[in-house]
């Protein structure tokens, strides 16, 4: 069953590399974002995408969240999290390529934990992208409870999961 308004956002542990993290060997250690702890007492926007570096995600979807992050913050958003079925190294590289800096946490769901827990997993094996990806969605989570969640019927489109829709829902 897919995530619905009024229910608790599932507790999962997503991994990410902070944007400004650096290591002597160029390989920063991942951090854990525990959704229960990180979302407690906060307003969080979670944006799920099928894949890093994919055309729709990289051109239509996430750049608008990056450029309009200040508007989201002005409406009370404490944290913006972009999640994809990629690993945290890929998500870090994608975030750097798009210049997200500290505007968005770019988290990986490589094992599909969030996809399964939310019912928003998408099987894209037929097109070579793997069996456990996320559908394209956006959610507003207030103090751990889902206040808004919309998924795209066509994952190549950005409408109800786009920043305009999220801003309107805030």
N, C-alpha and C. Protein backbone atom coordinates (compact mmCIF):
# COMPACT_ATOMS: atom_id res chain seq x y z
N UNK A 1 0.84 -1.18 0.00
CA UNK A 1 0.00 0.00 0.00
C UNK A 1 0.89 1.24 0.00
N UNK A 2 0.56 2.20 -0.83
CA UNK A 2 1.36 3.41 -0.96
C UNK A 2 1.15 4.36 0.20
N UNK A 3 2.13 5.14 0.45
CA UNK A 3 2.13 6.17 1.49
C UNK A 3 0.90 7.07 1.33
N UNK A 4 0.25 7.41 2.45
CA UNK A 4 -0.93 8.27 2.38
C UNK A 4 -0.86 9.40 3.41
N UNK A 5 -1.59 10.44 3.13
CA UNK A 5 -1.67 11.59 4.04
C UNK A 5 -2.25 11.14 5.37
N UNK A 6 -1.67 11.65 6.45
CA UNK A 6 -2.14 11.35 7.79
C UNK A 6 -1.40 10.22 8.48
N UNK A 7 -0.63 9.45 7.73
CA UNK A 7 0.10 8.35 8.36
C UNK A 7 1.53 8.80 8.69
N UNK A 8 2.15 8.04 9.58
CA UNK A 8 3.54 8.31 9.94
C UNK A 8 4.43 7.96 8.76
N UNK A 9 5.41 8.82 8.52
CA UNK A 9 6.40 8.51 7.49
C UNK A 9 7.23 7.35 8.03
N UNK A 10 7.49 6.32 7.23
CA UNK A 10 8.21 5.15 7.73
C UNK A 10 9.62 5.48 8.20
N UNK A 11 10.04 4.78 9.22
CA UNK A 11 11.41 4.95 9.69
C UNK A 11 12.33 4.07 8.85
N UNK A 12 13.23 4.72 8.15
CA UNK A 12 14.27 4.03 7.40
C UNK A 12 15.57 4.80 7.60
N UNK A 13 16.66 4.15 7.30
CA UNK A 13 17.95 4.81 7.39
C UNK A 13 18.51 4.97 5.99
N UNK A 14 18.58 6.21 5.57
CA UNK A 14 19.13 6.54 4.26
C UNK A 14 20.56 7.00 4.44
N UNK A 15 21.38 6.77 3.47
CA UNK A 15 22.78 7.21 3.56
C UNK A 15 23.04 8.32 2.56
N UNK A 16 23.91 9.24 3.01
CA UNK A 16 24.28 10.37 2.16
C UNK A 16 25.68 10.83 2.53
N UNK A 17 26.27 11.58 1.65
CA UNK A 17 27.56 12.21 1.92
C UNK A 17 27.31 13.71 1.94
N UNK A 18 27.61 14.37 3.06
CA UNK A 18 27.40 15.83 3.11
C UNK A 18 28.12 16.51 1.95
N UNK A 19 27.51 17.54 1.42
CA UNK A 19 28.02 18.21 0.23
C UNK A 19 29.47 18.66 0.39
N UNK A 20 29.80 19.19 1.56
CA UNK A 20 31.14 19.74 1.75
C UNK A 20 32.10 18.75 2.39
N UNK A 21 31.70 17.48 2.51
CA UNK A 21 32.58 16.47 3.11
C UNK A 21 33.80 16.24 2.24
N UNK A 22 34.93 16.13 2.89
CA UNK A 22 36.16 15.87 2.17
C UNK A 22 36.99 14.86 2.96
N UNK A 23 37.68 14.06 2.27
CA UNK A 23 38.58 13.10 2.90
C UNK A 23 39.90 13.13 2.15
N UNK A 24 40.96 12.78 2.83
CA UNK A 24 42.29 12.82 2.22
C UNK A 24 42.35 11.97 0.96
N UNK A 25 41.63 10.86 0.96
CA UNK A 25 41.66 9.98 -0.21
C UNK A 25 40.55 10.30 -1.22
N UNK A 26 39.79 11.38 -0.95
CA UNK A 26 38.72 11.78 -1.86
C UNK A 26 37.45 10.97 -1.68
N UNK A 27 37.42 10.10 -0.69
CA UNK A 27 36.28 9.22 -0.47
C UNK A 27 35.70 9.49 0.92
N UNK A 28 34.75 10.38 1.03
CA UNK A 28 34.16 10.73 2.31
C UNK A 28 33.27 9.61 2.82
N UNK A 29 33.20 9.50 4.13
CA UNK A 29 32.36 8.48 4.75
C UNK A 29 30.90 8.91 4.70
N UNK A 30 30.01 7.97 4.44
CA UNK A 30 28.59 8.32 4.41
C UNK A 30 28.05 8.59 5.81
N UNK A 31 27.04 9.42 5.86
CA UNK A 31 26.30 9.70 7.08
C UNK A 31 24.96 8.98 6.98
N UNK A 32 24.34 8.75 8.12
CA UNK A 32 23.03 8.11 8.14
C UNK A 32 21.97 9.15 8.47
N UNK A 33 20.93 9.17 7.67
CA UNK A 33 19.77 10.00 7.94
C UNK A 33 18.66 9.05 8.36
N UNK A 34 18.40 9.00 9.66
CA UNK A 34 17.31 8.20 10.19
C UNK A 34 16.05 9.06 10.09
N UNK A 35 15.09 8.63 9.30
CA UNK A 35 13.93 9.48 9.03
C UNK A 35 13.14 9.81 10.30
N UNK A 36 13.04 8.89 11.21
CA UNK A 36 12.28 9.18 12.44
C UNK A 36 12.95 10.30 13.24
N UNK A 37 14.24 10.17 13.45
CA UNK A 37 14.97 11.17 14.24
C UNK A 37 15.09 12.51 13.49
N UNK A 38 15.43 12.44 12.20
CA UNK A 38 15.67 13.65 11.43
C UNK A 38 14.39 14.44 11.14
N UNK A 39 13.25 13.77 11.10
CA UNK A 39 12.00 14.44 10.76
C UNK A 39 11.23 14.91 11.99
N UNK A 40 11.63 14.47 13.17
CA UNK A 40 10.91 14.83 14.41
C UNK A 40 10.96 16.34 14.64
N UNK A 41 9.78 16.93 14.80
CA UNK A 41 9.67 18.35 15.09
C UNK A 41 9.99 19.26 13.92
N UNK A 42 10.09 18.71 12.73
CA UNK A 42 10.47 19.50 11.56
C UNK A 42 9.46 19.36 10.44
N UNK A 43 9.52 20.30 9.52
CA UNK A 43 8.79 20.18 8.26
C UNK A 43 9.81 19.80 7.21
N UNK A 44 9.57 18.66 6.58
CA UNK A 44 10.53 18.10 5.63
C UNK A 44 9.84 17.86 4.29
N UNK A 45 10.53 18.20 3.22
CA UNK A 45 10.07 17.85 1.88
C UNK A 45 10.94 16.70 1.40
N UNK A 46 10.31 15.61 1.02
CA UNK A 46 11.01 14.45 0.48
C UNK A 46 10.63 14.34 -0.99
N UNK A 47 11.65 14.31 -1.84
CA UNK A 47 11.43 14.18 -3.28
C UNK A 47 12.05 12.86 -3.71
N UNK A 48 11.23 11.96 -4.21
CA UNK A 48 11.71 10.67 -4.70
C UNK A 48 11.83 10.71 -6.21
N UNK A 49 12.94 10.19 -6.70
CA UNK A 49 13.17 10.15 -8.14
C UNK A 49 13.66 8.76 -8.55
N UNK A 50 13.36 8.34 -9.77
CA UNK A 50 13.80 7.02 -10.23
C UNK A 50 15.31 6.86 -10.33
N UNK A 51 16.03 7.91 -10.72
CA UNK A 51 17.46 7.72 -10.87
C UNK A 51 18.26 9.00 -11.03
N UNK A 52 19.42 9.01 -10.38
CA UNK A 52 20.35 10.12 -10.54
C UNK A 52 20.86 10.16 -11.97
N UNK A 53 21.14 11.35 -12.44
CA UNK A 53 21.70 11.59 -13.76
C UNK A 53 20.76 11.21 -14.90
N UNK A 54 19.52 10.87 -14.61
CA UNK A 54 18.58 10.55 -15.68
C UNK A 54 17.99 11.86 -16.22
N UNK A 55 17.54 11.87 -17.46
CA UNK A 55 17.13 13.13 -18.09
C UNK A 55 16.03 13.89 -17.35
N UNK A 56 14.92 13.26 -17.05
CA UNK A 56 13.83 13.97 -16.40
C UNK A 56 14.25 14.47 -15.02
N UNK A 57 14.93 13.63 -14.27
CA UNK A 57 15.36 14.00 -12.91
C UNK A 57 16.36 15.15 -12.94
N UNK A 58 17.29 15.10 -13.87
CA UNK A 58 18.38 16.08 -13.93
C UNK A 58 18.02 17.38 -14.62
N UNK A 59 17.03 17.35 -15.49
CA UNK A 59 16.69 18.54 -16.25
C UNK A 59 15.40 19.20 -15.75
N UNK A 60 14.37 18.39 -15.51
CA UNK A 60 13.07 18.95 -15.17
C UNK A 60 12.76 19.00 -13.68
N UNK A 61 13.25 18.02 -12.91
CA UNK A 61 12.75 17.86 -11.55
C UNK A 61 13.62 18.54 -10.49
N UNK A 62 14.81 18.06 -10.27
CA UNK A 62 15.62 18.50 -9.14
C UNK A 62 16.18 19.92 -9.30
N UNK A 63 16.56 20.37 -10.49
CA UNK A 63 17.05 21.75 -10.59
C UNK A 63 16.07 22.80 -10.05
N UNK A 64 14.79 22.58 -10.23
CA UNK A 64 13.80 23.54 -9.70
C UNK A 64 13.81 23.54 -8.17
N UNK A 65 13.99 22.38 -7.57
CA UNK A 65 14.10 22.33 -6.10
C UNK A 65 15.35 23.05 -5.62
N UNK A 66 16.44 22.92 -6.36
CA UNK A 66 17.69 23.59 -5.98
C UNK A 66 17.50 25.10 -6.05
N UNK A 67 16.99 25.58 -7.16
CA UNK A 67 16.87 27.03 -7.34
C UNK A 67 15.80 27.66 -6.45
N UNK A 68 14.80 26.86 -6.06
CA UNK A 68 13.71 27.43 -5.27
C UNK A 68 13.73 26.99 -3.81
N UNK A 69 14.84 26.41 -3.40
CA UNK A 69 14.99 26.00 -1.99
C UNK A 69 14.74 27.17 -1.03
N UNK A 70 15.21 28.38 -1.34
CA UNK A 70 14.92 29.50 -0.42
C UNK A 70 13.42 29.75 -0.25
N UNK A 71 12.64 29.56 -1.30
CA UNK A 71 11.18 29.73 -1.19
C UNK A 71 10.58 28.67 -0.27
N UNK A 72 11.07 27.45 -0.40
CA UNK A 72 10.60 26.37 0.47
C UNK A 72 10.95 26.68 1.93
N UNK A 73 12.17 27.14 2.15
CA UNK A 73 12.59 27.50 3.52
C UNK A 73 11.74 28.64 4.06
N UNK A 74 11.42 29.61 3.22
CA UNK A 74 10.59 30.74 3.65
C UNK A 74 9.19 30.31 4.05
N UNK A 75 8.75 29.17 3.52
CA UNK A 75 7.44 28.62 3.87
C UNK A 75 7.51 27.63 5.03
N UNK A 76 8.67 27.58 5.70
CA UNK A 76 8.79 26.76 6.90
C UNK A 76 9.43 25.41 6.74
N UNK A 77 9.98 25.11 5.57
CA UNK A 77 10.62 23.81 5.37
C UNK A 77 12.00 23.84 6.02
N UNK A 78 12.23 22.88 6.90
CA UNK A 78 13.51 22.78 7.60
C UNK A 78 14.53 21.95 6.84
N UNK A 79 14.06 20.98 6.08
CA UNK A 79 14.95 20.02 5.43
C UNK A 79 14.33 19.57 4.11
N UNK A 80 15.16 19.52 3.06
CA UNK A 80 14.74 18.98 1.77
C UNK A 80 15.63 17.78 1.50
N UNK A 81 15.00 16.64 1.22
CA UNK A 81 15.73 15.41 0.97
C UNK A 81 15.34 14.86 -0.39
N UNK A 82 16.32 14.66 -1.25
CA UNK A 82 16.10 14.00 -2.53
C UNK A 82 16.59 12.57 -2.38
N UNK A 83 15.74 11.61 -2.71
CA UNK A 83 16.08 10.20 -2.56
C UNK A 83 15.92 9.49 -3.90
N UNK A 84 16.90 8.64 -4.19
CA UNK A 84 16.85 7.83 -5.40
C UNK A 84 17.35 6.43 -5.07
N UNK A 85 17.05 5.50 -5.94
CA UNK A 85 17.50 4.13 -5.77
C UNK A 85 18.98 3.93 -6.04
N UNK A 86 19.72 4.99 -6.20
CA UNK A 86 21.16 4.91 -6.40
C UNK A 86 21.88 4.84 -5.05
N UNK A 87 23.17 4.53 -5.10
CA UNK A 87 23.95 4.53 -3.86
C UNK A 87 24.35 5.96 -3.50
N UNK A 88 24.85 6.13 -2.27
CA UNK A 88 25.17 7.46 -1.76
C UNK A 88 26.33 8.12 -2.48
N UNK A 89 27.26 7.35 -3.06
CA UNK A 89 28.34 7.96 -3.83
C UNK A 89 27.81 8.59 -5.12
N UNK A 90 26.92 7.89 -5.78
CA UNK A 90 26.30 8.42 -6.99
C UNK A 90 25.47 9.66 -6.66
N UNK A 91 24.71 9.58 -5.57
CA UNK A 91 23.89 10.73 -5.18
C UNK A 91 24.75 11.94 -4.85
N UNK A 92 25.88 11.71 -4.20
CA UNK A 92 26.81 12.79 -3.89
C UNK A 92 27.35 13.43 -5.17
N UNK A 93 27.78 12.60 -6.10
CA UNK A 93 28.31 13.11 -7.37
C UNK A 93 27.24 13.87 -8.14
N UNK A 94 26.02 13.35 -8.12
CA UNK A 94 24.92 14.02 -8.83
C UNK A 94 24.65 15.38 -8.19
N UNK A 95 24.61 15.41 -6.87
CA UNK A 95 24.39 16.68 -6.17
C UNK A 95 25.47 17.69 -6.49
N UNK A 96 26.71 17.25 -6.52
CA UNK A 96 27.81 18.16 -6.87
C UNK A 96 27.65 18.67 -8.31
N UNK A 97 27.26 17.78 -9.22
CA UNK A 97 27.12 18.18 -10.62
C UNK A 97 26.00 19.21 -10.80
N UNK A 98 25.02 19.19 -9.90
CA UNK A 98 23.90 20.13 -9.99
C UNK A 98 24.06 21.32 -9.05
N UNK A 99 25.15 21.35 -8.29
CA UNK A 99 25.42 22.48 -7.41
C UNK A 99 24.43 22.62 -6.26
N UNK A 100 23.97 21.50 -5.71
CA UNK A 100 22.97 21.59 -4.63
C UNK A 100 23.54 22.22 -3.36
N UNK A 101 24.85 22.15 -3.17
CA UNK A 101 25.50 22.61 -1.96
C UNK A 101 24.75 22.08 -0.75
N UNK A 102 24.36 22.94 0.19
CA UNK A 102 23.66 22.43 1.37
C UNK A 102 22.14 22.62 1.28
N UNK A 103 21.63 22.93 0.10
CA UNK A 103 20.20 23.16 -0.08
C UNK A 103 19.38 21.87 0.05
N UNK A 104 19.96 20.76 -0.38
CA UNK A 104 19.24 19.49 -0.42
C UNK A 104 20.17 18.38 0.04
N UNK A 105 19.65 17.49 0.86
CA UNK A 105 20.37 16.28 1.21
C UNK A 105 20.10 15.27 0.09
N UNK A 106 21.17 14.80 -0.53
CA UNK A 106 21.05 13.86 -1.64
C UNK A 106 21.30 12.46 -1.09
N UNK A 107 20.23 11.71 -0.84
CA UNK A 107 20.33 10.43 -0.14
C UNK A 107 20.07 9.25 -1.07
N UNK A 108 20.78 8.18 -0.80
CA UNK A 108 20.61 6.96 -1.58
C UNK A 108 19.72 5.95 -0.89
N UNK A 109 18.94 5.26 -1.70
CA UNK A 109 18.08 4.16 -1.24
C UNK A 109 18.41 2.93 -2.08
N UNK A 110 19.71 2.62 -2.15
CA UNK A 110 20.18 1.55 -3.04
C UNK A 110 19.58 0.19 -2.73
N UNK A 111 19.23 -0.06 -1.49
CA UNK A 111 18.63 -1.35 -1.12
C UNK A 111 17.11 -1.34 -1.26
N UNK A 112 16.54 -0.20 -1.58
CA UNK A 112 15.09 -0.12 -1.77
C UNK A 112 14.28 -0.08 -0.48
N UNK A 113 14.93 0.22 0.64
CA UNK A 113 14.22 0.23 1.92
C UNK A 113 13.08 1.24 1.94
N UNK A 114 13.35 2.46 1.48
CA UNK A 114 12.31 3.48 1.47
C UNK A 114 11.22 3.12 0.48
N UNK A 115 11.61 2.66 -0.69
CA UNK A 115 10.63 2.28 -1.71
C UNK A 115 9.66 1.23 -1.21
N UNK A 116 10.19 0.21 -0.55
CA UNK A 116 9.33 -0.84 -0.01
C UNK A 116 8.49 -0.34 1.17
N UNK A 117 9.10 0.43 2.07
CA UNK A 117 8.39 0.90 3.27
C UNK A 117 7.26 1.86 2.93
N UNK A 118 7.41 2.62 1.86
CA UNK A 118 6.37 3.58 1.46
C UNK A 118 5.40 3.02 0.43
N UNK A 119 5.73 1.88 -0.14
CA UNK A 119 4.91 1.35 -1.23
C UNK A 119 5.11 2.11 -2.52
N UNK A 120 6.22 2.84 -2.60
CA UNK A 120 6.50 3.66 -3.79
C UNK A 120 7.67 3.11 -4.60
N UNK A 121 7.90 1.82 -4.48
CA UNK A 121 8.95 1.18 -5.28
C UNK A 121 8.47 1.04 -6.72
N UNK A 122 9.41 1.11 -7.62
CA UNK A 122 9.12 1.03 -9.05
C UNK A 122 10.10 0.04 -9.67
N UNK A 123 9.58 -0.89 -10.43
CA UNK A 123 10.42 -1.88 -11.09
C UNK A 123 10.76 -1.38 -12.49
N UNK A 124 12.01 -1.01 -12.68
CA UNK A 124 12.46 -0.53 -13.99
C UNK A 124 13.46 -1.48 -14.64
N UNK A 125 13.41 -2.75 -14.24
CA UNK A 125 14.33 -3.75 -14.80
C UNK A 125 14.16 -3.88 -16.31
N UNK A 126 12.95 -3.73 -16.79
CA UNK A 126 12.70 -3.88 -18.22
C UNK A 126 13.45 -2.86 -19.07
N UNK A 127 13.79 -1.72 -18.48
CA UNK A 127 14.54 -0.70 -19.22
C UNK A 127 15.99 -0.62 -18.76
N UNK A 128 16.41 -1.59 -17.93
CA UNK A 128 17.80 -1.67 -17.51
C UNK A 128 18.19 -0.85 -16.31
N UNK A 129 17.21 -0.36 -15.55
CA UNK A 129 17.53 0.48 -14.39
C UNK A 129 17.36 -0.22 -13.05
N UNK A 130 17.04 -1.49 -13.06
CA UNK A 130 16.92 -2.24 -11.81
C UNK A 130 15.50 -2.45 -11.36
N UNK A 131 15.35 -3.42 -10.48
CA UNK A 131 14.02 -3.84 -10.04
C UNK A 131 13.47 -3.02 -8.89
N UNK A 132 14.33 -2.33 -8.14
CA UNK A 132 13.83 -1.55 -7.00
C UNK A 132 14.32 -0.12 -7.10
N UNK A 133 13.53 0.70 -7.74
CA UNK A 133 13.76 2.14 -7.84
C UNK A 133 12.58 2.82 -7.16
N UNK A 134 12.63 4.12 -7.03
CA UNK A 134 11.50 4.86 -6.49
C UNK A 134 10.69 5.44 -7.64
N UNK A 135 9.39 5.47 -7.44
CA UNK A 135 8.57 6.20 -8.38
C UNK A 135 8.84 7.69 -8.17
N UNK A 136 8.45 8.52 -9.08
CA UNK A 136 8.64 9.96 -8.93
C UNK A 136 7.53 10.48 -8.00
N UNK A 137 7.93 11.05 -6.86
CA UNK A 137 6.95 11.55 -5.90
C UNK A 137 7.50 12.72 -5.12
N UNK A 138 6.61 13.40 -4.44
CA UNK A 138 6.98 14.44 -3.47
C UNK A 138 6.08 14.27 -2.26
N UNK A 139 6.67 14.49 -1.09
CA UNK A 139 5.92 14.41 0.16
C UNK A 139 6.33 15.56 1.06
N UNK A 140 5.36 16.07 1.79
CA UNK A 140 5.61 17.01 2.86
C UNK A 140 5.34 16.25 4.14
N UNK A 141 6.33 16.24 5.02
CA UNK A 141 6.22 15.52 6.28
C UNK A 141 6.36 16.52 7.41
N UNK A 142 5.34 16.60 8.24
CA UNK A 142 5.37 17.52 9.39
C UNK A 142 5.46 16.70 10.67
N UNK A 143 6.54 16.88 11.39
CA UNK A 143 6.78 16.18 12.65
C UNK A 143 6.54 14.68 12.50
N UNK A 144 7.03 14.12 11.41
CA UNK A 144 6.95 12.68 11.19
C UNK A 144 5.67 12.18 10.55
N UNK A 145 4.70 13.07 10.32
CA UNK A 145 3.42 12.67 9.74
C UNK A 145 3.29 13.24 8.33
N UNK A 146 2.83 12.42 7.40
CA UNK A 146 2.68 12.84 6.01
C UNK A 146 1.52 13.83 5.89
N UNK A 147 1.83 15.03 5.42
CA UNK A 147 0.83 16.07 5.22
C UNK A 147 0.44 16.20 3.75
N UNK A 148 1.31 15.74 2.86
CA UNK A 148 1.08 15.80 1.41
C UNK A 148 1.91 14.70 0.79
N UNK A 149 1.34 13.99 -0.13
CA UNK A 149 2.11 13.05 -0.93
C UNK A 149 1.41 12.87 -2.27
N UNK A 150 2.19 13.03 -3.31
CA UNK A 150 1.67 12.85 -4.67
C UNK A 150 2.71 12.12 -5.50
N UNK A 151 2.24 11.22 -6.33
CA UNK A 151 3.12 10.48 -7.23
C UNK A 151 2.72 10.78 -8.67
N UNK A 152 3.68 10.68 -9.53
CA UNK A 152 3.44 10.90 -10.96
C UNK A 152 2.92 9.61 -11.58
N UNK A 153 1.84 9.71 -12.35
CA UNK A 153 1.34 8.55 -13.09
C UNK A 153 2.35 8.12 -14.14
N UNK A 154 3.02 9.08 -14.74
CA UNK A 154 4.04 8.84 -15.75
C UNK A 154 5.37 9.33 -15.17
N UNK A 155 6.30 8.43 -14.85
CA UNK A 155 7.54 8.87 -14.22
C UNK A 155 8.44 9.73 -15.09
N UNK A 156 8.07 9.93 -16.35
CA UNK A 156 8.86 10.83 -17.20
C UNK A 156 8.31 12.26 -17.15
N UNK A 157 7.27 12.47 -16.36
CA UNK A 157 6.66 13.79 -16.24
C UNK A 157 6.86 14.35 -14.84
N UNK A 158 6.86 15.67 -14.72
CA UNK A 158 6.95 16.33 -13.41
C UNK A 158 5.79 17.31 -13.31
N UNK A 159 4.79 16.93 -12.54
CA UNK A 159 3.65 17.81 -12.29
C UNK A 159 3.40 17.87 -10.79
N UNK A 160 2.69 16.89 -10.25
CA UNK A 160 2.31 16.89 -8.83
C UNK A 160 3.49 16.70 -7.89
N UNK A 161 4.63 16.24 -8.40
CA UNK A 161 5.82 16.08 -7.56
C UNK A 161 6.79 17.25 -7.71
N UNK A 162 6.41 18.21 -8.54
CA UNK A 162 7.27 19.36 -8.80
C UNK A 162 7.21 20.38 -7.68
N UNK A 163 8.17 21.27 -7.71
CA UNK A 163 8.29 22.27 -6.65
C UNK A 163 7.08 23.21 -6.61
N UNK A 164 6.47 23.52 -7.73
CA UNK A 164 5.29 24.40 -7.72
C UNK A 164 4.16 23.77 -6.93
N UNK A 165 3.93 22.48 -7.14
CA UNK A 165 2.87 21.78 -6.41
C UNK A 165 3.16 21.72 -4.92
N UNK A 166 4.41 21.47 -4.58
CA UNK A 166 4.79 21.41 -3.16
C UNK A 166 4.64 22.79 -2.51
N UNK A 167 5.09 23.81 -3.18
CA UNK A 167 4.94 25.17 -2.63
C UNK A 167 3.47 25.52 -2.42
N UNK A 168 2.62 25.14 -3.37
CA UNK A 168 1.18 25.41 -3.24
C UNK A 168 0.58 24.65 -2.05
N UNK A 169 1.09 23.45 -1.79
CA UNK A 169 0.57 22.64 -0.68
C UNK A 169 1.05 23.10 0.68
N UNK A 170 2.15 23.84 0.70
CA UNK A 170 2.66 24.34 1.97
C UNK A 170 1.80 25.47 2.50
